Amino acid sequence: APSAARSAIAARYDAVVVDLRSEHARLAKELRRHADRAKLFSGAAGGGGDVDVEAGPSHVREVLQERKHTTNALRQTGDTLEQARETRADLAAQREALEGSTATAAGMLGRLPTIDGVIQAMRQKKVRENAVVGVTIGCCASFLLWAVLF
């Protein structure tokens, strides 16, 4: 009976060892998963892009490499947006300067019709003077012809 009891105890211990080994494997796998997750998200809060992408398993390396590319793309997008904001501010300043010069040009155009009116008046006066001189010369020539012929 002792050997049967001992073999039952040994079988029970073997079953316990198998259960403990499976529990150990499960816990080790979970710890690795948590460590990988911690490594993946280690720089997420602080924006740390200095994570060694060559360390760790291949699937972790691929995810870290992808995160590095995404971070670089976001940084470049931010730089482009900042440049666009600066360009927009420059264009707004140029628009204000052009609006000021447009107002000045409109004021000049408002005065130019006055100058144009003066020029037109001078031309009309010249035409009138030429007409008076022409009529006077015509009258004198007619008088001379009348005096010579009669």
N, C-alpha and C. Protein backbone atom coordinates (compact mmCIF):
# COMPACT_ATOMS: atom_id res chain seq x y z
N ALA A 1 0.80 -1.20 0.00
CA ALA A 1 0.00 0.00 0.00
C ALA A 1 0.84 1.26 0.00
N PRO A 2 2.02 1.24 0.68
CA PRO A 2 2.81 2.47 0.66
C PRO A 2 3.28 2.83 -0.75
N SER A 3 3.58 1.88 -1.54
CA SER A 3 4.04 2.23 -2.88
C SER A 3 2.91 2.80 -3.71
N ALA A 4 1.67 2.28 -3.52
CA ALA A 4 0.52 2.83 -4.23
C ALA A 4 0.23 4.23 -3.74
N ALA A 5 0.34 4.44 -2.43
CA ALA A 5 0.12 5.77 -1.87
C ALA A 5 1.20 6.73 -2.37
N ARG A 6 2.44 6.22 -2.40
CA ARG A 6 3.53 7.07 -2.87
C ARG A 6 3.37 7.39 -4.34
N SER A 7 2.95 6.44 -5.11
CA SER A 7 2.78 6.71 -6.54
C SER A 7 1.63 7.69 -6.75
N ALA A 8 0.57 7.62 -5.91
CA ALA A 8 -0.54 8.58 -6.01
C ALA A 8 -0.06 9.98 -5.65
N ILE A 9 0.78 10.06 -4.61
CA ILE A 9 1.33 11.36 -4.19
C ILE A 9 2.25 11.90 -5.29
N ALA A 10 3.08 11.01 -5.87
CA ALA A 10 3.99 11.43 -6.94
C ALA A 10 3.19 11.90 -8.16
N ALA A 11 2.10 11.19 -8.48
CA ALA A 11 1.26 11.60 -9.61
C ALA A 11 0.63 12.96 -9.32
N ARG A 12 0.21 13.12 -8.05
CA ARG A 12 -0.39 14.41 -7.67
C ARG A 12 0.64 15.51 -7.78
N TYR A 13 1.87 15.28 -7.33
CA TYR A 13 2.94 16.27 -7.43
C TYR A 13 3.29 16.57 -8.89
N ASP A 14 3.27 15.54 -9.71
CA ASP A 14 3.53 15.75 -11.14
C ASP A 14 2.45 16.66 -11.75
N ALA A 15 1.19 16.44 -11.38
CA ALA A 15 0.10 17.27 -11.88
C ALA A 15 0.26 18.71 -11.40
N VAL A 16 0.69 18.87 -10.12
CA VAL A 16 0.92 20.21 -9.58
C VAL A 16 2.05 20.89 -10.34
N VAL A 17 3.13 20.13 -10.62
CA VAL A 17 4.28 20.69 -11.35
C VAL A 17 3.85 21.14 -12.75
N VAL A 18 3.03 20.31 -13.40
CA VAL A 18 2.55 20.66 -14.74
C VAL A 18 1.70 21.94 -14.66
N ASP A 19 0.81 22.00 -13.67
CA ASP A 19 -0.02 23.21 -13.50
C ASP A 19 0.85 24.44 -13.23
N LEU A 20 1.86 24.27 -12.36
CA LEU A 20 2.73 25.41 -12.03
C LEU A 20 3.55 25.85 -13.25
N ARG A 21 4.01 24.90 -14.05
CA ARG A 21 4.79 25.25 -15.26
C ARG A 21 3.90 26.03 -16.25
N SER A 22 2.67 25.56 -16.44
CA SER A 22 1.78 26.27 -17.36
C SER A 22 1.46 27.67 -16.82
N GLU A 23 1.26 27.77 -15.50
CA GLU A 23 1.02 29.09 -14.88
C GLU A 23 2.24 29.98 -15.05
N HIS A 24 3.45 29.40 -14.88
CA HIS A 24 4.70 30.16 -15.05
C HIS A 24 4.83 30.65 -16.50
N ALA A 25 4.54 29.79 -17.45
CA ALA A 25 4.63 30.17 -18.86
C ALA A 25 3.62 31.28 -19.18
N ARG A 26 2.41 31.16 -18.63
CA ARG A 26 1.39 32.18 -18.86
C ARG A 26 1.82 33.52 -18.27
N LEU A 27 2.35 33.50 -17.05
CA LEU A 27 2.79 34.73 -16.40
C LEU A 27 3.99 35.34 -17.12
N ALA A 28 4.91 34.51 -17.58
CA ALA A 28 6.08 35.01 -18.32
C ALA A 28 5.64 35.67 -19.62
N LYS A 29 4.68 35.05 -20.30
CA LYS A 29 4.17 35.62 -21.55
C LYS A 29 3.49 36.96 -21.28
N GLU A 30 2.70 37.04 -20.21
CA GLU A 30 2.02 38.28 -19.87
C GLU A 30 3.01 39.37 -19.48
N LEU A 31 4.06 38.99 -18.75
CA LEU A 31 5.10 39.96 -18.40
C LEU A 31 5.81 40.49 -19.64
N ARG A 32 6.11 39.61 -20.60
CA ARG A 32 6.74 40.05 -21.84
C ARG A 32 5.82 41.01 -22.60
N ARG A 33 4.53 40.68 -22.62
CA ARG A 33 3.57 41.54 -23.31
C ARG A 33 3.49 42.92 -22.65
N HIS A 34 3.47 42.94 -21.31
CA HIS A 34 3.44 44.21 -20.59
C HIS A 34 4.73 45.00 -20.81
N ALA A 35 5.87 44.30 -20.82
CA ALA A 35 7.15 44.98 -21.06
C ALA A 35 7.18 45.56 -22.47
N ASP A 36 6.69 44.81 -23.46
CA ASP A 36 6.64 45.32 -24.83
C ASP A 36 5.73 46.54 -24.92
N ARG A 37 4.59 46.47 -24.27
CA ARG A 37 3.66 47.59 -24.28
C ARG A 37 4.29 48.82 -23.61
N ALA A 38 4.94 48.61 -22.48
CA ALA A 38 5.59 49.72 -21.79
C ALA A 38 6.68 50.33 -22.66
N LYS A 39 7.40 49.49 -23.39
CA LYS A 39 8.45 49.99 -24.26
C LYS A 39 7.85 50.77 -25.44
N LEU A 40 6.75 50.26 -25.97
CA LEU A 40 6.11 50.95 -27.10
C LEU A 40 5.61 52.33 -26.70
N PHE A 41 5.00 52.42 -25.53
CA PHE A 41 4.40 53.67 -25.11
C PHE A 41 5.30 54.48 -24.19
N SER A 42 6.57 54.12 -24.10
CA SER A 42 7.46 54.81 -23.17
C SER A 42 7.61 56.28 -23.53
N GLY A 43 7.68 56.61 -24.81
CA GLY A 43 7.88 58.00 -25.19
C GLY A 43 6.61 58.69 -25.62
N ALA A 44 5.48 58.05 -25.50
CA ALA A 44 4.23 58.64 -26.00
C ALA A 44 3.84 59.89 -25.23
N ALA A 45 3.96 59.87 -23.93
CA ALA A 45 3.53 61.02 -23.12
C ALA A 45 4.51 62.17 -23.25
N GLY A 46 5.81 61.89 -23.27
CA GLY A 46 6.81 62.95 -23.34
C GLY A 46 7.27 63.24 -24.74
N GLY A 47 6.75 62.57 -25.74
CA GLY A 47 7.16 62.80 -27.11
C GLY A 47 8.55 62.28 -27.38
N GLY A 48 9.06 61.36 -26.56
CA GLY A 48 10.43 60.88 -26.72
C GLY A 48 10.57 60.03 -27.95
N GLY A 49 11.27 60.52 -28.94
CA GLY A 49 11.50 59.77 -30.14
C GLY A 49 12.83 59.06 -30.11
N ASP A 50 13.50 59.05 -28.95
CA ASP A 50 14.84 58.48 -28.85
C ASP A 50 14.80 57.02 -28.40
N VAL A 51 13.80 56.28 -28.81
CA VAL A 51 13.68 54.88 -28.44
C VAL A 51 14.53 54.07 -29.41
N ASP A 52 15.27 53.08 -28.87
CA ASP A 52 16.12 52.23 -29.69
C ASP A 52 15.24 51.27 -30.47
N VAL A 53 15.11 51.51 -31.80
CA VAL A 53 14.21 50.69 -32.60
C VAL A 53 14.84 49.35 -32.97
N GLU A 54 16.11 49.17 -32.73
CA GLU A 54 16.78 47.92 -33.08
C GLU A 54 16.66 46.88 -31.96
N ALA A 55 16.30 47.33 -30.75
CA ALA A 55 16.23 46.39 -29.63
C ALA A 55 14.86 45.74 -29.58
N GLY A 56 14.80 44.54 -29.08
CA GLY A 56 13.53 43.86 -28.87
C GLY A 56 13.15 42.96 -30.02
N PRO A 57 12.01 42.30 -29.88
CA PRO A 57 11.54 41.38 -30.91
C PRO A 57 11.19 42.12 -32.21
N SER A 58 11.08 41.37 -33.28
CA SER A 58 10.87 41.99 -34.60
C SER A 58 9.55 42.73 -34.67
N HIS A 59 8.48 42.17 -34.07
CA HIS A 59 7.20 42.88 -34.14
C HIS A 59 7.26 44.19 -33.37
N VAL A 60 8.04 44.23 -32.30
CA VAL A 60 8.19 45.48 -31.53
C VAL A 60 9.01 46.47 -32.34
N ARG A 61 10.06 45.98 -33.00
CA ARG A 61 10.89 46.86 -33.84
C ARG A 61 10.07 47.49 -34.95
N GLU A 62 9.20 46.69 -35.57
CA GLU A 62 8.37 47.21 -36.65
C GLU A 62 7.43 48.30 -36.15
N VAL A 63 6.83 48.08 -35.00
CA VAL A 63 5.91 49.07 -34.44
C VAL A 63 6.68 50.33 -34.03
N LEU A 64 7.87 50.15 -33.43
CA LEU A 64 8.67 51.31 -33.05
C LEU A 64 9.12 52.10 -34.28
N GLN A 65 9.49 51.39 -35.32
CA GLN A 65 9.89 52.05 -36.56
C GLN A 65 8.71 52.84 -37.14
N GLU A 66 7.53 52.23 -37.12
CA GLU A 66 6.33 52.91 -37.62
C GLU A 66 6.03 54.15 -36.78
N ARG A 67 6.18 54.02 -35.46
CA ARG A 67 5.94 55.17 -34.59
C ARG A 67 6.95 56.28 -34.89
N LYS A 68 8.19 55.91 -35.16
CA LYS A 68 9.21 56.90 -35.48
C LYS A 68 8.84 57.63 -36.78
N HIS A 69 8.38 56.89 -37.79
CA HIS A 69 7.98 57.51 -39.05
C HIS A 69 6.77 58.43 -38.84
N THR A 70 5.82 57.99 -38.04
CA THR A 70 4.64 58.80 -37.77
C THR A 70 5.03 60.09 -37.03
N THR A 71 5.92 59.98 -36.06
CA THR A 71 6.38 61.15 -35.32
C THR A 71 7.07 62.14 -36.25
N ASN A 72 7.92 61.63 -37.14
CA ASN A 72 8.59 62.51 -38.10
C ASN A 72 7.59 63.18 -39.04
N ALA A 73 6.60 62.41 -39.49
CA ALA A 73 5.59 62.99 -40.38
C ALA A 73 4.79 64.08 -39.66
N LEU A 74 4.45 63.84 -38.40
CA LEU A 74 3.71 64.85 -37.64
C LEU A 74 4.56 66.10 -37.42
N ARG A 75 5.84 65.91 -37.16
CA ARG A 75 6.74 67.05 -36.98
C ARG A 75 6.83 67.86 -38.27
N GLN A 76 6.98 67.18 -39.40
CA GLN A 76 7.05 67.88 -40.68
C GLN A 76 5.74 68.59 -40.99
N THR A 77 4.62 67.97 -40.66
CA THR A 77 3.32 68.61 -40.87
C THR A 77 3.20 69.86 -40.01
N GLY A 78 3.64 69.77 -38.78
CA GLY A 78 3.63 70.95 -37.90
C GLY A 78 4.50 72.07 -38.44
N ASP A 79 5.69 71.72 -38.96
CA ASP A 79 6.57 72.73 -39.54
C ASP A 79 5.92 73.38 -40.76
N THR A 80 5.26 72.57 -41.58
CA THR A 80 4.60 73.10 -42.77
C THR A 80 3.45 74.03 -42.37
N LEU A 81 2.68 73.64 -41.35
CA LEU A 81 1.59 74.49 -40.89
C LEU A 81 2.11 75.81 -40.33
N GLU A 82 3.23 75.75 -39.60
CA GLU A 82 3.82 76.97 -39.05
C GLU A 82 4.28 77.89 -40.17
N GLN A 83 4.90 77.31 -41.20
CA GLN A 83 5.33 78.09 -42.35
C GLN A 83 4.12 78.70 -43.06
N ALA A 84 3.02 77.96 -43.15
CA ALA A 84 1.80 78.48 -43.77
C ALA A 84 1.23 79.64 -42.96
N ARG A 85 1.28 79.52 -41.62
CA ARG A 85 0.80 80.63 -40.77
C ARG A 85 1.63 81.89 -41.00
N GLU A 86 2.97 81.72 -41.07
CA GLU A 86 3.84 82.86 -41.30
C GLU A 86 3.57 83.49 -42.66
N THR A 87 3.38 82.65 -43.67
CA THR A 87 3.09 83.14 -45.01
C THR A 87 1.77 83.90 -45.03
N ARG A 88 0.78 83.37 -44.31
CA ARG A 88 -0.52 84.04 -44.24
C ARG A 88 -0.38 85.42 -43.59
N ALA A 89 0.41 85.50 -42.52
CA ALA A 89 0.62 86.79 -41.87
C ALA A 89 1.33 87.77 -42.81
N ASP A 90 2.33 87.28 -43.55
CA ASP A 90 3.03 88.14 -44.52
C ASP A 90 2.08 88.62 -45.60
N LEU A 91 1.24 87.73 -46.10
CA LEU A 91 0.28 88.13 -47.14
C LEU A 91 -0.74 89.13 -46.61
N ALA A 92 -1.14 88.97 -45.36
CA ALA A 92 -2.07 89.93 -44.77
C ALA A 92 -1.42 91.31 -44.67
N ALA A 93 -0.14 91.35 -44.29
CA ALA A 93 0.57 92.63 -44.22
C ALA A 93 0.69 93.25 -45.62
N GLN A 94 0.97 92.42 -46.62
CA GLN A 94 1.06 92.93 -47.99
C GLN A 94 -0.30 93.46 -48.45
N ARG A 95 -1.38 92.75 -48.09
CA ARG A 95 -2.72 93.20 -48.48
C ARG A 95 -3.01 94.56 -47.87
N GLU A 96 -2.64 94.75 -46.59
CA GLU A 96 -2.87 96.05 -45.96
C GLU A 96 -2.09 97.15 -46.66
N ALA A 97 -0.84 96.83 -47.04
CA ALA A 97 -0.03 97.83 -47.75
C ALA A 97 -0.63 98.15 -49.11
N LEU A 98 -1.10 97.12 -49.81
CA LEU A 98 -1.72 97.35 -51.12
C LEU A 98 -3.03 98.13 -50.99
N GLU A 99 -3.81 97.85 -49.94
CA GLU A 99 -5.05 98.60 -49.75
C GLU A 99 -4.74 100.06 -49.49
N GLY A 100 -3.67 100.34 -48.74
CA GLY A 100 -3.26 101.73 -48.51
C GLY A 100 -2.84 102.41 -49.79
N SER A 101 -2.08 101.70 -50.62
CA SER A 101 -1.66 102.30 -51.89
C SER A 101 -2.85 102.44 -52.84
N THR A 102 -3.81 101.53 -52.76
CA THR A 102 -5.01 101.65 -53.59
C THR A 102 -5.80 102.90 -53.19
N ALA A 103 -5.89 103.14 -51.89
CA ALA A 103 -6.59 104.35 -51.43
C ALA A 103 -5.85 105.60 -51.92
N THR A 104 -4.54 105.58 -51.88
CA THR A 104 -3.76 106.72 -52.36
C THR A 104 -3.97 106.91 -53.86
N ALA A 105 -3.97 105.81 -54.61
CA ALA A 105 -4.19 105.90 -56.06
C ALA A 105 -5.60 106.40 -56.35
N ALA A 106 -6.58 105.97 -55.58
CA ALA A 106 -7.95 106.46 -55.78
C ALA A 106 -8.02 107.95 -55.51
N GLY A 107 -7.32 108.43 -54.51
CA GLY A 107 -7.27 109.87 -54.23
C GLY A 107 -6.62 110.64 -55.37
N MET A 108 -5.57 110.06 -55.94
CA MET A 108 -4.91 110.69 -57.09
C MET A 108 -5.86 110.74 -58.28
N LEU A 109 -6.58 109.64 -58.50
CA LEU A 109 -7.53 109.62 -59.61
C LEU A 109 -8.66 110.62 -59.38
N GLY A 110 -9.00 110.85 -58.12
CA GLY A 110 -10.01 111.86 -57.81
C GLY A 110 -9.54 113.25 -58.19
N ARG A 111 -8.24 113.50 -58.08
CA ARG A 111 -7.69 114.80 -58.45
C ARG A 111 -7.40 114.90 -59.94
N LEU A 112 -7.15 113.79 -60.58
CA LEU A 112 -6.80 113.81 -62.00
C LEU A 112 -7.92 114.34 -62.89
N PRO A 113 -9.18 114.01 -62.64
CA PRO A 113 -10.21 114.63 -63.49
C PRO A 113 -10.17 116.16 -63.42
N THR A 114 -9.78 116.73 -62.31
CA THR A 114 -9.64 118.17 -62.19
C THR A 114 -8.53 118.66 -63.10
N ILE A 115 -7.43 117.98 -63.10
CA ILE A 115 -6.31 118.33 -63.97
C ILE A 115 -6.74 118.15 -65.43
N ASP A 116 -7.45 117.07 -65.69
CA ASP A 116 -7.94 116.84 -67.05
C ASP A 116 -8.90 117.95 -67.48
N GLY A 117 -9.73 118.41 -66.56
CA GLY A 117 -10.64 119.51 -66.86
C GLY A 117 -9.88 120.79 -67.20
N VAL A 118 -8.79 121.03 -66.48
CA VAL A 118 -7.97 122.22 -66.74
C VAL A 118 -7.36 122.12 -68.14
N ILE A 119 -6.87 120.96 -68.49
CA ILE A 119 -6.27 120.77 -69.82
C ILE A 119 -7.32 120.98 -70.91
N GLN A 120 -8.53 120.43 -70.71
CA GLN A 120 -9.60 120.62 -71.69
C GLN A 120 -9.97 122.10 -71.82
N ALA A 121 -10.02 122.81 -70.71
CA ALA A 121 -10.34 124.25 -70.77
C ALA A 121 -9.27 125.01 -71.53
N MET A 122 -8.01 124.64 -71.32
CA MET A 122 -6.91 125.30 -72.05
C MET A 122 -7.04 125.03 -73.55
N ARG A 123 -7.39 123.83 -73.94
CA ARG A 123 -7.55 123.51 -75.36
C ARG A 123 -8.72 124.31 -75.97
N GLN A 124 -9.83 124.39 -75.24
CA GLN A 124 -10.98 125.15 -75.75
C GLN A 124 -10.62 126.62 -75.91
N LYS A 125 -9.87 127.17 -74.95
CA LYS A 125 -9.46 128.57 -75.04
C LYS A 125 -8.57 128.79 -76.25
N LYS A 126 -7.67 127.85 -76.51
CA LYS A 126 -6.77 127.96 -77.66
C LYS A 126 -7.57 127.91 -78.96
N VAL A 127 -8.57 127.00 -79.02
CA VAL A 127 -9.41 126.91 -80.21
C VAL A 127 -10.17 128.21 -80.41
N ARG A 128 -10.72 128.81 -79.34
CA ARG A 128 -11.43 130.09 -79.44
C ARG A 128 -10.50 131.21 -79.92
N GLU A 129 -9.29 131.24 -79.34
CA GLU A 129 -8.33 132.28 -79.74
C GLU A 129 -7.96 132.11 -81.21
N ASN A 130 -7.76 130.87 -81.64
CA ASN A 130 -7.43 130.61 -83.04
C ASN A 130 -8.59 131.03 -83.94
N ALA A 131 -9.82 130.78 -83.48
CA ALA A 131 -10.99 131.18 -84.27
C ALA A 131 -11.06 132.71 -84.38
N VAL A 132 -10.81 133.41 -83.29
CA VAL A 132 -10.84 134.88 -83.28
C VAL A 132 -9.77 135.41 -84.22
N VAL A 133 -8.57 134.85 -84.12
CA VAL A 133 -7.47 135.30 -84.99
C VAL A 133 -7.82 135.00 -86.45
N GLY A 134 -8.39 133.84 -86.71
CA GLY A 134 -8.76 133.48 -88.09
C GLY A 134 -9.83 134.41 -88.65
N VAL A 135 -10.84 134.72 -87.86
CA VAL A 135 -11.91 135.63 -88.29
C VAL A 135 -11.33 137.03 -88.52
N THR A 136 -10.45 137.48 -87.65
CA THR A 136 -9.83 138.81 -87.78
C THR A 136 -9.00 138.88 -89.06
N ILE A 137 -8.20 137.85 -89.32
CA ILE A 137 -7.37 137.83 -90.53
C ILE A 137 -8.28 137.77 -91.75
N GLY A 138 -9.35 136.99 -91.67
CA GLY A 138 -10.29 136.93 -92.79
C GLY A 138 -10.95 138.27 -93.06
N CYS A 139 -11.35 138.97 -92.00
CA CYS A 139 -11.96 140.29 -92.16
C CYS A 139 -10.97 141.29 -92.76
N CYS A 140 -9.74 141.26 -92.27
CA CYS A 140 -8.71 142.16 -92.79
C CYS A 140 -8.44 141.86 -94.26
N ALA A 141 -8.36 140.58 -94.61
CA ALA A 141 -8.10 140.21 -96.00
C ALA A 141 -9.28 140.63 -96.86
N SER A 142 -10.49 140.47 -96.38
CA SER A 142 -11.67 140.88 -97.14
C SER A 142 -11.69 142.41 -97.31
N PHE A 143 -11.33 143.14 -96.28
CA PHE A 143 -11.30 144.59 -96.36
C PHE A 143 -10.25 145.05 -97.35
N LEU A 144 -9.08 144.40 -97.34
CA LEU A 144 -8.00 144.75 -98.27
C LEU A 144 -8.45 144.47 -99.71
N LEU A 145 -9.06 143.37 -99.96
CA LEU A 145 -9.53 143.03 -101.28
C LEU A 145 -10.62 144.04 -101.73
N TRP A 146 -11.48 144.41 -100.84
CA TRP A 146 -12.54 145.37 -101.15
C TRP A 146 -11.93 146.73 -101.45
N ALA A 147 -10.93 147.12 -100.64
CA ALA A 147 -10.31 148.43 -100.84
C ALA A 147 -9.50 148.46 -102.13
N VAL A 148 -8.84 147.41 -102.47
CA VAL A 148 -8.02 147.36 -103.69
C VAL A 148 -8.93 147.25 -104.90
N LEU A 149 -9.93 146.51 -104.88
CA LEU A 149 -10.81 146.32 -106.01
C LEU A 149 -11.81 147.46 -106.19
N PHE A 150 -12.15 148.19 -105.24
CA PHE A 150 -13.16 149.23 -105.37
C PHE A 150 -12.57 150.54 -105.13
